[in-house]
Amino acid sequence: MEICDSSFLAANAKCWWAGALAAATAELRYAGYVAPGVLLVAGAPRALETVRGAYSRSVLKPPPTYLICGLGK
């Protein structure tokens, strides 16, 4: 699962056109997973809200070979 973690962060950390998303992903930390395909991340409320906003605008990128099907609270 750590490959997914680093791939997720890498896919979103180099987002030159959305600086707030790049900064937010830099603040996230891997918190584990619940089941295969469910990645948990933690971070400051501001960073998590930025990630939620990016997801709602279809800007959040999944790691290669993965899909983001939903975002929980």
PDB file of N, CA and C in Angstrom:
ATOM      1  N   MET A   1       0.811  -1.191   0.000  1.00  0.00           N
ATOM      2  CA  MET A   1       0.000   0.000   0.000  1.00  0.00           C
ATOM      3  C   MET A   1       0.859   1.261   0.000  1.00  0.00           C
ATOM      4  N   GLU A   2       2.090   1.189   0.463  1.00  0.00           N
ATOM      5  CA  GLU A   2       2.915   2.384   0.480  1.00  0.00           C
ATOM      6  C   GLU A   2       3.203   2.890  -0.926  1.00  0.00           C
ATOM      7  N   ILE A   3       3.220   1.993  -1.914  1.00  0.00           N
ATOM      8  CA  ILE A   3       3.406   2.429  -3.299  1.00  0.00           C
ATOM      9  C   ILE A   3       2.248   3.319  -3.706  1.00  0.00           C
ATOM     10  N   CYS A   4       1.041   2.940  -3.337  1.00  0.00           N
ATOM     11  CA  CYS A   4      -0.136   3.740  -3.642  1.00  0.00           C
ATOM     12  C   CYS A   4      -0.032   5.097  -2.959  1.00  0.00           C
ATOM     13  N   ASP A   5       0.423   5.119  -1.706  1.00  0.00           N
ATOM     14  CA  ASP A   5       0.566   6.351  -0.952  1.00  0.00           C
ATOM     15  C   ASP A   5       1.504   7.313  -1.666  1.00  0.00           C
ATOM     16  N   SER A   6       2.699   6.873  -1.970  1.00  0.00           N
ATOM     17  CA  SER A   6       3.663   7.757  -2.611  1.00  0.00           C
ATOM     18  C   SER A   6       3.213   8.132  -4.018  1.00  0.00           C
ATOM     19  N   SER A   7       2.543   7.233  -4.707  1.00  0.00           N
ATOM     20  CA  SER A   7       2.056   7.535  -6.048  1.00  0.00           C
ATOM     21  C   SER A   7       0.940   8.570  -6.007  1.00  0.00           C
ATOM     22  N   PHE A   8       0.044   8.465  -5.023  1.00  0.00           N
ATOM     23  CA  PHE A   8      -1.038   9.437  -4.881  1.00  0.00           C
ATOM     24  C   PHE A   8      -0.472  10.822  -4.608  1.00  0.00           C
ATOM     25  N   LEU A   9       0.449  10.897  -3.654  1.00  0.00           N
ATOM     26  CA  LEU A   9       1.044  12.190  -3.329  1.00  0.00           C
ATOM     27  C   LEU A   9       1.816  12.744  -4.515  1.00  0.00           C
ATOM     28  N   ALA A  10       2.568  11.899  -5.203  1.00  0.00           N
ATOM     29  CA  ALA A  10       3.338  12.349  -6.358  1.00  0.00           C
ATOM     30  C   ALA A  10       2.432  12.824  -7.488  1.00  0.00           C
ATOM     31  N   ALA A  11       1.301  12.157  -7.682  1.00  0.00           N
ATOM     32  CA  ALA A  11       0.385  12.532  -8.767  1.00  0.00           C
ATOM     33  C   ALA A  11      -0.211  13.913  -8.547  1.00  0.00           C
ATOM     34  N   ASN A  12      -0.296  14.356  -7.304  1.00  0.00           N
ATOM     35  CA  ASN A  12      -0.937  15.631  -7.011  1.00  0.00           C
ATOM     36  C   ASN A  12       0.013  16.709  -6.501  1.00  0.00           C
ATOM     37  N   ALA A  13       1.202  16.353  -6.119  1.00  0.00           N
ATOM     38  CA  ALA A  13       2.139  17.320  -5.554  1.00  0.00           C
ATOM     39  C   ALA A  13       2.798  18.202  -6.607  1.00  0.00           C
ATOM     40  N   LYS A  14       2.780  17.781  -7.856  1.00  0.00           N
ATOM     41  CA  LYS A  14       3.438  18.548  -8.909  1.00  0.00           C
ATOM     42  C   LYS A  14       2.417  19.238  -9.804  1.00  0.00           C
ATOM     43  N   CYS A  15       1.362  19.695  -9.202  1.00  0.00           N
ATOM     44  CA  CYS A  15       0.266  20.326  -9.926  1.00  0.00           C
ATOM     45  C   CYS A  15       0.576  21.824 -10.051  1.00  0.00           C
ATOM     46  N   TRP A  16       1.367  22.208 -11.035  1.00  0.00           N
ATOM     47  CA  TRP A  16       1.840  23.586 -11.157  1.00  0.00           C
ATOM     48  C   TRP A  16       0.715  24.585 -11.373  1.00  0.00           C
ATOM     49  N   TRP A  17      -0.395  24.155 -11.935  1.00  0.00           N
ATOM     50  CA  TRP A  17      -1.493  25.074 -12.207  1.00  0.00           C
ATOM     51  C   TRP A  17      -2.457  25.200 -11.048  1.00  0.00           C
ATOM     52  N   ALA A  18      -2.313  24.385 -10.014  1.00  0.00           N
ATOM     53  CA  ALA A  18      -3.150  24.479  -8.816  1.00  0.00           C
ATOM     54  C   ALA A  18      -2.235  24.436  -7.595  1.00  0.00           C
ATOM     55  N   GLY A  19      -1.617  25.566  -7.318  1.00  0.00           N
ATOM     56  CA  GLY A  19      -0.648  25.640  -6.233  1.00  0.00           C
ATOM     57  C   GLY A  19      -1.213  25.235  -4.880  1.00  0.00           C
ATOM     58  N   ALA A  20      -2.486  25.571  -4.621  1.00  0.00           N
ATOM     59  CA  ALA A  20      -3.090  25.211  -3.338  1.00  0.00           C
ATOM     60  C   ALA A  20      -3.179  23.692  -3.184  1.00  0.00           C
ATOM     61  N   LEU A  21      -3.491  22.988  -4.266  1.00  0.00           N
ATOM     62  CA  LEU A  21      -3.554  21.523  -4.206  1.00  0.00           C
ATOM     63  C   LEU A  21      -2.167  20.936  -3.980  1.00  0.00           C
ATOM     64  N   ALA A  22      -1.175  21.463  -4.652  1.00  0.00           N
ATOM     65  CA  ALA A  22       0.196  20.984  -4.459  1.00  0.00           C
ATOM     66  C   ALA A  22       0.631  21.199  -3.015  1.00  0.00           C
ATOM     67  N   ALA A  23       0.313  22.363  -2.443  1.00  0.00           N
ATOM     68  CA  ALA A  23       0.676  22.638  -1.050  1.00  0.00           C
ATOM     69  C   ALA A  23      -0.092  21.722  -0.097  1.00  0.00           C
ATOM     70  N   ALA A  24      -1.366  21.483  -0.387  1.00  0.00           N
ATOM     71  CA  ALA A  24      -2.179  20.622   0.476  1.00  0.00           C
ATOM     72  C   ALA A  24      -1.662  19.189   0.475  1.00  0.00           C
ATOM     73  N   THR A  25      -1.321  18.664  -0.688  1.00  0.00           N
ATOM     74  CA  THR A  25      -0.835  17.286  -0.735  1.00  0.00           C
ATOM     75  C   THR A  25       0.525  17.155  -0.045  1.00  0.00           C
ATOM     76  N   ALA A  26       1.299  18.229  -0.052  1.00  0.00           N
ATOM     77  CA  ALA A  26       2.586  18.191   0.652  1.00  0.00           C
ATOM     78  C   ALA A  26       2.379  18.078   2.162  1.00  0.00           C
ATOM     79  N   GLU A  27       1.225  18.540   2.656  1.00  0.00           N
ATOM     80  CA  GLU A  27       0.923  18.469   4.088  1.00  0.00           C
ATOM     81  C   GLU A  27       0.289  17.144   4.504  1.00  0.00           C
ATOM     82  N   LEU A  28      -0.192  16.352   3.548  1.00  0.00           N
ATOM     83  CA  LEU A  28      -0.853  15.094   3.885  1.00  0.00           C
ATOM     84  C   LEU A  28       0.159  14.055   4.341  1.00  0.00           C
ATOM     85  N   ARG A  29      -0.315  13.154   5.177  1.00  0.00           N
ATOM     86  CA  ARG A  29       0.533  12.022   5.572  1.00  0.00           C
ATOM     87  C   ARG A  29      -0.301  10.737   5.483  1.00  0.00           C
ATOM     88  N   TYR A  30       0.357   9.687   5.148  1.00  0.00           N
ATOM     89  CA  TYR A  30      -0.268   8.378   5.002  1.00  0.00           C
ATOM     90  C   TYR A  30      -0.708   7.885   6.371  1.00  0.00           C
ATOM     91  N   ALA A  31      -1.977   7.486   6.494  1.00  0.00           N
ATOM     92  CA  ALA A  31      -2.501   7.009   7.771  1.00  0.00           C
ATOM     93  C   ALA A  31      -2.850   5.527   7.723  1.00  0.00           C
ATOM     94  N   GLY A  32      -2.745   4.893   6.572  1.00  0.00           N
ATOM     95  CA  GLY A  32      -3.034   3.481   6.441  1.00  0.00           C
ATOM     96  C   GLY A  32      -4.135   3.216   5.440  1.00  0.00           C
ATOM     97  N   TYR A  33      -4.739   2.042   5.571  1.00  0.00           N
ATOM     98  CA  TYR A  33      -5.853   1.696   4.694  1.00  0.00           C
ATOM     99  C   TYR A  33      -6.814   0.803   5.455  1.00  0.00           C
ATOM    100  N   VAL A  34      -8.078   0.846   5.044  1.00  0.00           N
ATOM    101  CA  VAL A  34      -9.122   0.065   5.701  1.00  0.00           C
ATOM    102  C   VAL A  34      -9.251  -1.282   5.021  1.00  0.00           C
ATOM    103  N   ALA A  35      -9.247  -1.286   3.719  1.00  0.00           N
ATOM    104  CA  ALA A  35      -9.398  -2.493   2.909  1.00  0.00           C
ATOM    105  C   ALA A  35      -8.678  -2.226   1.599  1.00  0.00           C
ATOM    106  N   PRO A  36      -8.400  -3.258   0.820  1.00  0.00           N
ATOM    107  CA  PRO A  36      -7.773  -3.000  -0.478  1.00  0.00           C
ATOM    108  C   PRO A  36      -8.570  -1.948  -1.257  1.00  0.00           C
ATOM    109  N   GLY A  37      -7.878  -0.950  -1.698  1.00  0.00           N
ATOM    110  CA  GLY A  37      -8.520   0.098  -2.485  1.00  0.00           C
ATOM    111  C   GLY A  37      -9.010   1.283  -1.683  1.00  0.00           C
ATOM    112  N   VAL A  38      -8.860   1.256  -0.354  1.00  0.00           N
ATOM    113  CA  VAL A  38      -9.303   2.373   0.481  1.00  0.00           C
ATOM    114  C   VAL A  38      -8.084   2.927   1.220  1.00  0.00           C
ATOM    115  N   LEU A  39      -7.614   4.061   0.773  1.00  0.00           N
ATOM    116  CA  LEU A  39      -6.420   4.706   1.321  1.00  0.00           C
ATOM    117  C   LEU A  39      -6.837   5.774   2.323  1.00  0.00           C
ATOM    118  N   LEU A  40      -6.178   5.806   3.475  1.00  0.00           N
ATOM    119  CA  LEU A  40      -6.443   6.831   4.482  1.00  0.00           C
ATOM    120  C   LEU A  40      -5.283   7.812   4.522  1.00  0.00           C
ATOM    121  N   VAL A  41      -5.611   9.087   4.482  1.00  0.00           N
ATOM    122  CA  VAL A  41      -4.603  10.133   4.642  1.00  0.00           C
ATOM    123  C   VAL A  41      -5.068  11.064   5.751  1.00  0.00           C
ATOM    124  N   ALA A  42      -4.131  11.739   6.377  1.00  0.00           N
ATOM    125  CA  ALA A  42      -4.436  12.684   7.440  1.00  0.00           C
ATOM    126  C   ALA A  42      -3.696  13.978   7.148  1.00  0.00           C
ATOM    127  N   GLY A  43      -4.159  15.042   7.743  1.00  0.00           N
ATOM    128  CA  GLY A  43      -3.510  16.322   7.556  1.00  0.00           C
ATOM    129  C   GLY A  43      -4.294  17.425   8.234  1.00  0.00           C
ATOM    130  N   ALA A  44      -3.814  18.624   8.092  1.00  0.00           N
ATOM    131  CA  ALA A  44      -4.493  19.789   8.656  1.00  0.00           C
ATOM    132  C   ALA A  44      -5.865  19.949   8.003  1.00  0.00           C
ATOM    133  N   PRO A  45      -6.842  20.434   8.753  1.00  0.00           N
ATOM    134  CA  PRO A  45      -8.184  20.624   8.183  1.00  0.00           C
ATOM    135  C   PRO A  45      -8.176  21.429   6.877  1.00  0.00           C
ATOM    136  N   ARG A  46      -7.333  22.452   6.809  1.00  0.00           N
ATOM    137  CA  ARG A  46      -7.250  23.275   5.595  1.00  0.00           C
ATOM    138  C   ARG A  46      -6.783  22.448   4.404  1.00  0.00           C
ATOM    139  N   ALA A  47      -5.799  21.603   4.619  1.00  0.00           N
ATOM    140  CA  ALA A  47      -5.277  20.760   3.539  1.00  0.00           C
ATOM    141  C   ALA A  47      -6.329  19.752   3.091  1.00  0.00           C
ATOM    142  N   LEU A  48      -7.024  19.128   4.052  1.00  0.00           N
ATOM    143  CA  LEU A  48      -8.051  18.159   3.700  1.00  0.00           C
ATOM    144  C   LEU A  48      -9.207  18.808   2.948  1.00  0.00           C
ATOM    145  N   GLU A  49      -9.568  20.020   3.333  1.00  0.00           N
ATOM    146  CA  GLU A  49     -10.647  20.727   2.632  1.00  0.00           C
ATOM    147  C   GLU A  49     -10.227  21.074   1.202  1.00  0.00           C
ATOM    148  N   THR A  50      -8.960  21.413   1.009  1.00  0.00           N
ATOM    149  CA  THR A  50      -8.451  21.690  -0.341  1.00  0.00           C
ATOM    150  C   THR A  50      -8.534  20.430  -1.201  1.00  0.00           C
ATOM    151  N   VAL A  51      -8.185  19.287  -0.635  1.00  0.00           N
ATOM    152  CA  VAL A  51      -8.261  18.018  -1.367  1.00  0.00           C
ATOM    153  C   VAL A  51      -9.721  17.697  -1.698  1.00  0.00           C
ATOM    154  N   ARG A  52     -10.627  17.911  -0.738  1.00  0.00           N
ATOM    155  CA  ARG A  52     -12.059  17.683  -1.002  1.00  0.00           C
ATOM    156  C   ARG A  52     -12.549  18.569  -2.145  1.00  0.00           C
ATOM    157  N   GLY A  53     -12.137  19.829  -2.125  1.00  0.00           N
ATOM    158  CA  GLY A  53     -12.530  20.746  -3.195  1.00  0.00           C
ATOM    159  C   GLY A  53     -11.994  20.320  -4.545  1.00  0.00           C
ATOM    160  N   ALA A  54     -10.752  19.852  -4.565  1.00  0.00           N
ATOM    161  CA  ALA A  54     -10.155  19.379  -5.819  1.00  0.00           C
ATOM    162  C   ALA A  54     -10.911  18.166  -6.339  1.00  0.00           C
ATOM    163  N   TYR A  55     -11.334  17.280  -5.431  1.00  0.00           N
ATOM    164  CA  TYR A  55     -12.114  16.116  -5.846  1.00  0.00           C
ATOM    165  C   TYR A  55     -13.461  16.545  -6.427  1.00  0.00           C
ATOM    166  N   SER A  56     -14.117  17.488  -5.780  1.00  0.00           N
ATOM    167  CA  SER A  56     -15.438  17.918  -6.259  1.00  0.00           C
ATOM    168  C   SER A  56     -15.351  18.599  -7.626  1.00  0.00           C
ATOM    169  N   ARG A  57     -14.203  19.174  -7.949  1.00  0.00           N
ATOM    170  CA  ARG A  57     -14.000  19.806  -9.260  1.00  0.00           C
ATOM    171  C   ARG A  57     -13.347  18.855 -10.259  1.00  0.00           C
ATOM    172  N   SER A  58     -13.191  17.587  -9.893  1.00  0.00           N
ATOM    173  CA  SER A  58     -12.554  16.562 -10.742  1.00  0.00           C
ATOM    174  C   SER A  58     -11.119  16.922 -11.097  1.00  0.00           C
ATOM    175  N   VAL A  59     -10.415  17.540 -10.161  1.00  0.00           N
ATOM    176  CA  VAL A  59      -9.026  17.947 -10.365  1.00  0.00           C
ATOM    177  C   VAL A  59      -8.062  16.966  -9.697  1.00  0.00           C
ATOM    178  N   LEU A  60      -8.518  16.272  -8.669  1.00  0.00           N
ATOM    179  CA  LEU A  60      -7.674  15.347  -7.924  1.00  0.00           C
ATOM    180  C   LEU A  60      -7.288  14.166  -8.810  1.00  0.00           C
ATOM    181  N   LYS A  61      -6.008  13.865  -8.856  1.00  0.00           N
ATOM    182  CA  LYS A  61      -5.517  12.797  -9.732  1.00  0.00           C
ATOM    183  C   LYS A  61      -5.243  11.525  -8.929  1.00  0.00           C
ATOM    184  N   PRO A  62      -5.649  10.374  -9.458  1.00  0.00           N
ATOM    185  CA  PRO A  62      -5.300   9.110  -8.803  1.00  0.00           C
ATOM    186  C   PRO A  62      -3.883   8.694  -9.185  1.00  0.00           C
ATOM    187  N   PRO A  63      -3.303   7.782  -8.414  1.00  0.00           N
ATOM    188  CA  PRO A  63      -2.021   7.215  -8.826  1.00  0.00           C
ATOM    189  C   PRO A  63      -2.214   6.443 -10.127  1.00  0.00           C
ATOM    190  N   PRO A  64      -1.151   6.236 -10.886  1.00  0.00           N
ATOM    191  CA  PRO A  64      -1.276   5.432 -12.107  1.00  0.00           C
ATOM    192  C   PRO A  64      -1.890   4.067 -11.795  1.00  0.00           C
ATOM    193  N   THR A  65      -2.754   3.631 -12.647  1.00  0.00           N
ATOM    194  CA  THR A  65      -3.480   2.351 -12.580  1.00  0.00           C
ATOM    195  C   THR A  65      -4.548   2.300 -11.489  1.00  0.00           C
ATOM    196  N   TYR A  66      -4.863   3.422 -10.828  1.00  0.00           N
ATOM    197  CA  TYR A  66      -5.914   3.476  -9.822  1.00  0.00           C
ATOM    198  C   TYR A  66      -7.002   4.449 -10.258  1.00  0.00           C
ATOM    199  N   LEU A  67      -8.162   4.353  -9.635  1.00  0.00           N
ATOM    200  CA  LEU A  67      -9.264   5.293  -9.836  1.00  0.00           C
ATOM    201  C   LEU A  67      -9.656   5.856  -8.490  1.00  0.00           C
ATOM    202  N   ILE A  68     -10.067   7.124  -8.458  1.00  0.00           N
ATOM    203  CA  ILE A  68     -10.649   7.688  -7.252  1.00  0.00           C
ATOM    204  C   ILE A  68     -12.149   7.682  -7.471  1.00  0.00           C
ATOM    205  N   CYS A  69     -12.837   6.832  -6.739  1.00  0.00           N
ATOM    206  CA  CYS A  69     -14.287   6.658  -6.917  1.00  0.00           C
ATOM    207  C   CYS A  69     -15.087   7.434  -5.883  1.00  0.00           C
ATOM    208  N   GLY A  70     -14.453   7.897  -4.855  1.00  0.00           N
ATOM    209  CA  GLY A  70     -15.158   8.643  -3.826  1.00  0.00           C
ATOM    210  C   GLY A  70     -14.185   9.182  -2.816  1.00  0.00           C
ATOM    211  N   LEU A  71     -14.692  10.102  -2.019  1.00  0.00           N
ATOM    212  CA  LEU A  71     -13.873  10.726  -0.981  1.00  0.00           C
ATOM    213  C   LEU A  71     -14.724  10.805   0.267  1.00  0.00           C
ATOM    214  N   GLY A  72     -14.240  10.265   1.364  1.00  0.00           N
ATOM    215  CA  GLY A  72     -14.992  10.266   2.604  1.00  0.00           C
ATOM    216  C   GLY A  72     -14.519  11.357   3.537  1.00  0.00           C
ATOM    217  N   LYS A  73     -15.179  11.426   4.641  1.00  0.00           N
ATOM    218  CA  LYS A  73     -14.824  12.437   5.630  1.00  0.00           C
ATOM    219  C   LYS A  73     -14.013  11.827   6.739  1.00  0.00           C
TER     220      LYS A  73
END
